[in-house]
Amino acid sequence: MIIKKRIDDLKEGVVLAKDIVNENGLLLVAKGTSLDEKLLSLLKDRGVKWVYVNVNIRELDQPLPKELEEEYKNIEERIDKKFKEFGDHYVMQKIAHSAKEYLKTRLFYK
C-alpha cells in the first residue's frame, strides 16, 4: 500500500513509492530507494515536506496508539452500521473488513 507521509515522521529504512523531484523536475531520489538518516536529512535540507512511501499492511497487526483507539472504534461502529443491512453476505463482509483496514491504515499513518 502507498501512502503520503510527512518527511519529519519517517524512520530510517522506509522505502519510497514514488520518485522525489525538485522544483525543476530533476530527480533527487528514485522510487524504490530505502531512506537512511543521511538521505532523510538531505531531503529536509532541500525543503521536501511530504513523500510517498510503501507500507507493509502487516505492520497494522500492532495495536493503534491509545489516542487513536477511540477514533477507530467510532469509525468501525459506523461501518458496521452501514453494512448491517447486508447480513451475512460474504462479499459485503469482505468490503466492510477492507474498509476498516484501510481506515485503520489512514489513522495509523496520518
N, C-alpha and C. Protein backbone atom coordinates (compact mmCIF):
# COMPACT_ATOMS: atom_id res chain seq x y z
N MET A 1 0.85 -1.17 0.00
CA MET A 1 0.00 0.00 0.00
C MET A 1 0.89 1.23 0.00
N ILE A 2 0.48 2.26 -0.74
CA ILE A 2 1.24 3.51 -0.84
C ILE A 2 0.49 4.59 -0.06
N ILE A 3 1.23 5.32 0.77
CA ILE A 3 0.63 6.44 1.50
C ILE A 3 1.55 7.65 1.43
N LYS A 4 0.95 8.81 1.58
CA LYS A 4 1.70 10.07 1.64
C LYS A 4 2.03 10.33 3.11
N LYS A 5 3.30 10.64 3.38
CA LYS A 5 3.73 10.79 4.77
C LYS A 5 4.65 12.00 4.90
N ARG A 6 4.50 12.70 6.02
CA ARG A 6 5.41 13.83 6.28
C ARG A 6 6.83 13.32 6.48
N ILE A 7 7.79 14.02 5.90
CA ILE A 7 9.18 13.58 5.99
C ILE A 7 9.65 13.56 7.45
N ASP A 8 9.12 14.46 8.27
CA ASP A 8 9.52 14.51 9.69
C ASP A 8 9.07 13.28 10.46
N ASP A 9 8.09 12.55 9.93
CA ASP A 9 7.56 11.37 10.61
C ASP A 9 8.20 10.07 10.15
N LEU A 10 9.12 10.15 9.19
CA LEU A 10 9.72 8.93 8.64
C LEU A 10 10.87 8.44 9.50
N LYS A 11 11.05 7.13 9.44
CA LYS A 11 12.16 6.49 10.12
C LYS A 11 13.08 5.86 9.08
N GLU A 12 14.28 5.64 9.48
CA GLU A 12 15.27 5.00 8.61
C GLU A 12 14.73 3.65 8.12
N GLY A 13 14.94 3.36 6.83
CA GLY A 13 14.54 2.07 6.28
C GLY A 13 13.26 2.10 5.48
N VAL A 14 12.51 3.21 5.55
CA VAL A 14 11.27 3.31 4.77
C VAL A 14 11.63 3.37 3.28
N VAL A 15 10.78 2.77 2.44
CA VAL A 15 11.06 2.68 1.00
C VAL A 15 10.14 3.64 0.25
N LEU A 16 10.74 4.45 -0.63
CA LEU A 16 9.97 5.39 -1.43
C LEU A 16 9.10 4.67 -2.45
N ALA A 17 7.87 5.12 -2.57
CA ALA A 17 6.94 4.54 -3.54
C ALA A 17 6.89 5.37 -4.83
N LYS A 18 7.37 6.61 -4.76
CA LYS A 18 7.41 7.49 -5.94
C LYS A 18 8.72 8.26 -5.93
N ASP A 19 9.17 8.65 -7.13
CA ASP A 19 10.36 9.48 -7.24
C ASP A 19 10.16 10.79 -6.50
N ILE A 20 11.25 11.34 -5.99
CA ILE A 20 11.24 12.67 -5.42
C ILE A 20 12.01 13.56 -6.39
N VAL A 21 11.34 14.62 -6.84
CA VAL A 21 11.97 15.55 -7.79
C VAL A 21 11.97 16.95 -7.18
N ASN A 22 12.90 17.78 -7.67
CA ASN A 22 12.94 19.16 -7.19
C ASN A 22 11.97 20.02 -7.98
N GLU A 23 11.96 21.31 -7.69
CA GLU A 23 11.01 22.22 -8.33
C GLU A 23 11.21 22.33 -9.84
N ASN A 24 12.39 21.92 -10.34
CA ASN A 24 12.66 21.94 -11.78
C ASN A 24 12.43 20.58 -12.44
N GLY A 25 11.95 19.63 -11.65
CA GLY A 25 11.68 18.31 -12.20
C GLY A 25 12.88 17.37 -12.22
N LEU A 26 13.99 17.79 -11.65
CA LEU A 26 15.18 16.94 -11.61
C LEU A 26 15.05 15.91 -10.49
N LEU A 27 15.43 14.69 -10.81
CA LEU A 27 15.32 13.60 -9.86
C LEU A 27 16.27 13.79 -8.69
N LEU A 28 15.72 13.76 -7.48
CA LEU A 28 16.54 13.82 -6.27
C LEU A 28 16.80 12.42 -5.74
N VAL A 29 15.71 11.63 -5.61
CA VAL A 29 15.81 10.25 -5.12
C VAL A 29 14.78 9.41 -5.88
N ALA A 30 15.22 8.26 -6.36
CA ALA A 30 14.34 7.40 -7.16
C ALA A 30 13.44 6.54 -6.28
N LYS A 31 12.25 6.22 -6.83
CA LYS A 31 11.36 5.31 -6.12
C LYS A 31 12.08 3.98 -5.91
N GLY A 32 11.73 3.30 -4.84
CA GLY A 32 12.38 2.04 -4.50
C GLY A 32 13.59 2.20 -3.60
N THR A 33 14.00 3.45 -3.38
CA THR A 33 15.15 3.73 -2.52
C THR A 33 14.76 3.60 -1.06
N SER A 34 15.58 2.91 -0.30
CA SER A 34 15.40 2.81 1.14
C SER A 34 16.10 4.01 1.77
N LEU A 35 15.36 4.80 2.52
CA LEU A 35 15.92 6.02 3.09
C LEU A 35 16.69 5.75 4.37
N ASP A 36 17.87 6.33 4.44
CA ASP A 36 18.65 6.26 5.68
C ASP A 36 18.67 7.66 6.29
N GLU A 37 19.29 7.81 7.44
CA GLU A 37 19.30 9.09 8.15
C GLU A 37 19.94 10.20 7.31
N LYS A 38 20.99 9.85 6.57
CA LYS A 38 21.68 10.85 5.75
C LYS A 38 20.75 11.38 4.65
N LEU A 39 20.06 10.47 3.96
CA LEU A 39 19.13 10.89 2.90
C LEU A 39 17.96 11.70 3.47
N LEU A 40 17.43 11.25 4.59
CA LEU A 40 16.34 11.99 5.23
C LEU A 40 16.78 13.42 5.56
N SER A 41 17.97 13.56 6.08
CA SER A 41 18.49 14.88 6.43
C SER A 41 18.69 15.74 5.18
N LEU A 42 19.21 15.15 4.12
CA LEU A 42 19.41 15.89 2.87
C LEU A 42 18.08 16.35 2.29
N LEU A 43 17.08 15.49 2.32
CA LEU A 43 15.76 15.86 1.80
C LEU A 43 15.14 16.99 2.60
N LYS A 44 15.28 16.92 3.92
CA LYS A 44 14.76 18.00 4.77
C LYS A 44 15.47 19.31 4.44
N ASP A 45 16.80 19.24 4.24
CA ASP A 45 17.57 20.44 3.89
C ASP A 45 17.14 21.02 2.55
N ARG A 46 16.65 20.18 1.64
CA ARG A 46 16.18 20.62 0.31
C ARG A 46 14.74 21.12 0.35
N GLY A 47 14.12 21.08 1.54
CA GLY A 47 12.77 21.59 1.67
C GLY A 47 11.67 20.60 1.35
N VAL A 48 12.01 19.32 1.23
CA VAL A 48 11.00 18.30 0.97
C VAL A 48 10.18 18.11 2.24
N LYS A 49 8.86 18.23 2.11
CA LYS A 49 7.97 18.12 3.27
C LYS A 49 7.21 16.79 3.30
N TRP A 50 6.82 16.27 2.14
CA TRP A 50 6.00 15.06 2.03
C TRP A 50 6.61 14.12 1.01
N VAL A 51 6.47 12.81 1.25
CA VAL A 51 6.89 11.80 0.28
C VAL A 51 5.87 10.66 0.28
N TYR A 52 5.87 9.89 -0.79
CA TYR A 52 5.02 8.70 -0.87
C TYR A 52 5.89 7.50 -0.53
N VAL A 53 5.40 6.68 0.40
CA VAL A 53 6.17 5.52 0.85
C VAL A 53 5.33 4.26 0.76
N ASN A 54 6.02 3.14 0.67
CA ASN A 54 5.36 1.83 0.71
C ASN A 54 5.15 1.44 2.16
N VAL A 55 3.97 0.94 2.45
CA VAL A 55 3.65 0.48 3.80
C VAL A 55 3.27 -0.98 3.73
N ASN A 56 3.87 -1.76 4.60
CA ASN A 56 3.52 -3.17 4.70
C ASN A 56 2.27 -3.28 5.57
N ILE A 57 1.20 -3.76 4.97
CA ILE A 57 -0.08 -3.85 5.68
C ILE A 57 0.02 -4.71 6.94
N ARG A 58 0.98 -5.61 7.00
CA ARG A 58 1.14 -6.47 8.18
C ARG A 58 1.55 -5.67 9.41
N GLU A 59 2.14 -4.48 9.18
CA GLU A 59 2.50 -3.63 10.31
C GLU A 59 1.27 -3.25 11.11
N LEU A 60 0.11 -3.33 10.50
CA LEU A 60 -1.11 -2.94 11.17
C LEU A 60 -1.58 -3.96 12.19
N ASP A 61 -0.90 -5.10 12.26
CA ASP A 61 -1.25 -6.09 13.27
C ASP A 61 -0.94 -5.57 14.67
N GLN A 62 -0.08 -4.58 14.76
CA GLN A 62 0.20 -4.00 16.06
C GLN A 62 -0.95 -3.06 16.45
N PRO A 63 -1.16 -2.89 17.72
CA PRO A 63 -2.30 -2.07 18.16
C PRO A 63 -2.12 -0.60 17.79
N LEU A 64 -3.23 0.08 17.60
CA LEU A 64 -3.19 1.53 17.39
C LEU A 64 -2.74 2.21 18.68
N PRO A 65 -2.10 3.35 18.55
CA PRO A 65 -1.79 4.12 19.76
C PRO A 65 -3.08 4.45 20.52
N LYS A 66 -2.98 4.54 21.82
CA LYS A 66 -4.15 4.76 22.69
C LYS A 66 -5.02 5.94 22.22
N GLU A 67 -4.35 7.03 21.80
CA GLU A 67 -5.11 8.22 21.43
C GLU A 67 -5.94 8.03 20.16
N LEU A 68 -5.65 6.98 19.38
CA LEU A 68 -6.41 6.72 18.16
C LEU A 68 -7.44 5.60 18.31
N GLU A 69 -7.36 4.85 19.40
CA GLU A 69 -8.28 3.72 19.60
C GLU A 69 -9.75 4.15 19.56
N GLU A 70 -10.09 5.22 20.26
CA GLU A 70 -11.47 5.70 20.32
C GLU A 70 -11.96 6.12 18.93
N GLU A 71 -11.12 6.85 18.21
CA GLU A 71 -11.49 7.28 16.87
C GLU A 71 -11.74 6.08 15.95
N TYR A 72 -10.87 5.07 16.04
CA TYR A 72 -11.04 3.88 15.20
C TYR A 72 -12.31 3.13 15.58
N LYS A 73 -12.58 2.99 16.86
CA LYS A 73 -13.80 2.28 17.30
C LYS A 73 -15.06 2.98 16.77
N ASN A 74 -15.06 4.31 16.79
CA ASN A 74 -16.21 5.05 16.26
C ASN A 74 -16.38 4.79 14.77
N ILE A 75 -15.31 4.80 14.04
CA ILE A 75 -15.36 4.54 12.59
C ILE A 75 -15.82 3.10 12.35
N GLU A 76 -15.27 2.17 13.10
CA GLU A 76 -15.62 0.76 12.95
C GLU A 76 -17.12 0.55 13.20
N GLU A 77 -17.66 1.20 14.21
CA GLU A 77 -19.10 1.10 14.50
C GLU A 77 -19.94 1.67 13.37
N ARG A 78 -19.51 2.78 12.80
CA ARG A 78 -20.25 3.37 11.68
C ARG A 78 -20.23 2.46 10.46
N ILE A 79 -19.10 1.82 10.21
CA ILE A 79 -19.02 0.89 9.08
C ILE A 79 -19.94 -0.30 9.33
N ASP A 80 -19.89 -0.86 10.53
CA ASP A 80 -20.76 -2.00 10.87
C ASP A 80 -22.23 -1.63 10.68
N LYS A 81 -22.61 -0.44 11.11
CA LYS A 81 -23.99 0.01 10.99
C LYS A 81 -24.40 0.09 9.51
N LYS A 82 -23.52 0.64 8.67
CA LYS A 82 -23.82 0.78 7.24
C LYS A 82 -23.97 -0.57 6.55
N PHE A 83 -23.17 -1.55 6.96
CA PHE A 83 -23.17 -2.84 6.28
C PHE A 83 -24.11 -3.86 6.94
N LYS A 84 -24.73 -3.49 8.04
CA LYS A 84 -25.61 -4.41 8.77
C LYS A 84 -26.75 -4.92 7.89
N GLU A 85 -27.29 -4.07 7.03
CA GLU A 85 -28.43 -4.46 6.18
C GLU A 85 -28.09 -5.60 5.22
N PHE A 86 -26.81 -5.85 4.99
CA PHE A 86 -26.41 -6.92 4.07
C PHE A 86 -26.28 -8.27 4.77
N GLY A 87 -26.43 -8.26 6.08
CA GLY A 87 -26.38 -9.51 6.84
C GLY A 87 -25.08 -10.26 6.66
N ASP A 88 -25.20 -11.56 6.36
CA ASP A 88 -24.02 -12.43 6.24
C ASP A 88 -23.51 -12.52 4.80
N HIS A 89 -23.87 -11.59 3.96
CA HIS A 89 -23.42 -11.61 2.56
C HIS A 89 -21.89 -11.56 2.54
N TYR A 90 -21.29 -12.62 2.00
CA TYR A 90 -19.84 -12.80 2.05
C TYR A 90 -19.07 -11.62 1.44
N VAL A 91 -19.46 -11.20 0.26
CA VAL A 91 -18.73 -10.13 -0.43
C VAL A 91 -18.84 -8.82 0.34
N MET A 92 -20.02 -8.53 0.85
CA MET A 92 -20.20 -7.29 1.59
C MET A 92 -19.42 -7.31 2.91
N GLN A 93 -19.30 -8.48 3.53
CA GLN A 93 -18.47 -8.60 4.74
C GLN A 93 -17.02 -8.31 4.41
N LYS A 94 -16.55 -8.81 3.26
CA LYS A 94 -15.17 -8.56 2.83
C LYS A 94 -14.94 -7.08 2.57
N ILE A 95 -15.91 -6.43 1.94
CA ILE A 95 -15.79 -4.99 1.67
C ILE A 95 -15.73 -4.21 2.98
N ALA A 96 -16.60 -4.56 3.93
CA ALA A 96 -16.59 -3.89 5.23
C ALA A 96 -15.25 -4.08 5.93
N HIS A 97 -14.73 -5.30 5.88
CA HIS A 97 -13.43 -5.59 6.50
C HIS A 97 -12.32 -4.76 5.84
N SER A 98 -12.35 -4.70 4.51
CA SER A 98 -11.34 -3.93 3.78
C SER A 98 -11.43 -2.45 4.13
N ALA A 99 -12.65 -1.94 4.25
CA ALA A 99 -12.84 -0.54 4.61
C ALA A 99 -12.25 -0.26 5.99
N LYS A 100 -12.47 -1.16 6.93
CA LYS A 100 -11.92 -0.98 8.28
C LYS A 100 -10.40 -0.98 8.26
N GLU A 101 -9.82 -1.92 7.51
CA GLU A 101 -8.36 -1.99 7.43
C GLU A 101 -7.78 -0.76 6.77
N TYR A 102 -8.43 -0.29 5.72
CA TYR A 102 -7.96 0.91 5.04
C TYR A 102 -8.00 2.11 5.99
N LEU A 103 -9.11 2.28 6.70
CA LEU A 103 -9.23 3.40 7.62
C LEU A 103 -8.25 3.28 8.78
N LYS A 104 -8.00 2.07 9.22
CA LYS A 104 -7.01 1.87 10.28
C LYS A 104 -5.63 2.30 9.77
N THR A 105 -5.33 1.97 8.53
CA THR A 105 -4.06 2.39 7.93
C THR A 105 -3.97 3.91 7.90
N ARG A 106 -5.04 4.56 7.46
CA ARG A 106 -5.02 6.02 7.37
C ARG A 106 -4.84 6.65 8.75
N LEU A 107 -5.47 6.08 9.77
CA LEU A 107 -5.32 6.60 11.13
C LEU A 107 -3.89 6.37 11.64
N PHE A 108 -3.41 5.15 11.42
CA PHE A 108 -2.11 4.75 11.96
C PHE A 108 -0.98 5.57 11.35
N TYR A 109 -1.12 5.92 10.08
CA TYR A 109 -0.04 6.61 9.36
C TYR A 109 -0.32 8.06 9.06
N LYS A 110 -1.28 8.67 9.77
CA LYS A 110 -1.54 10.08 9.45
C LYS A 110 -0.52 10.97 10.10
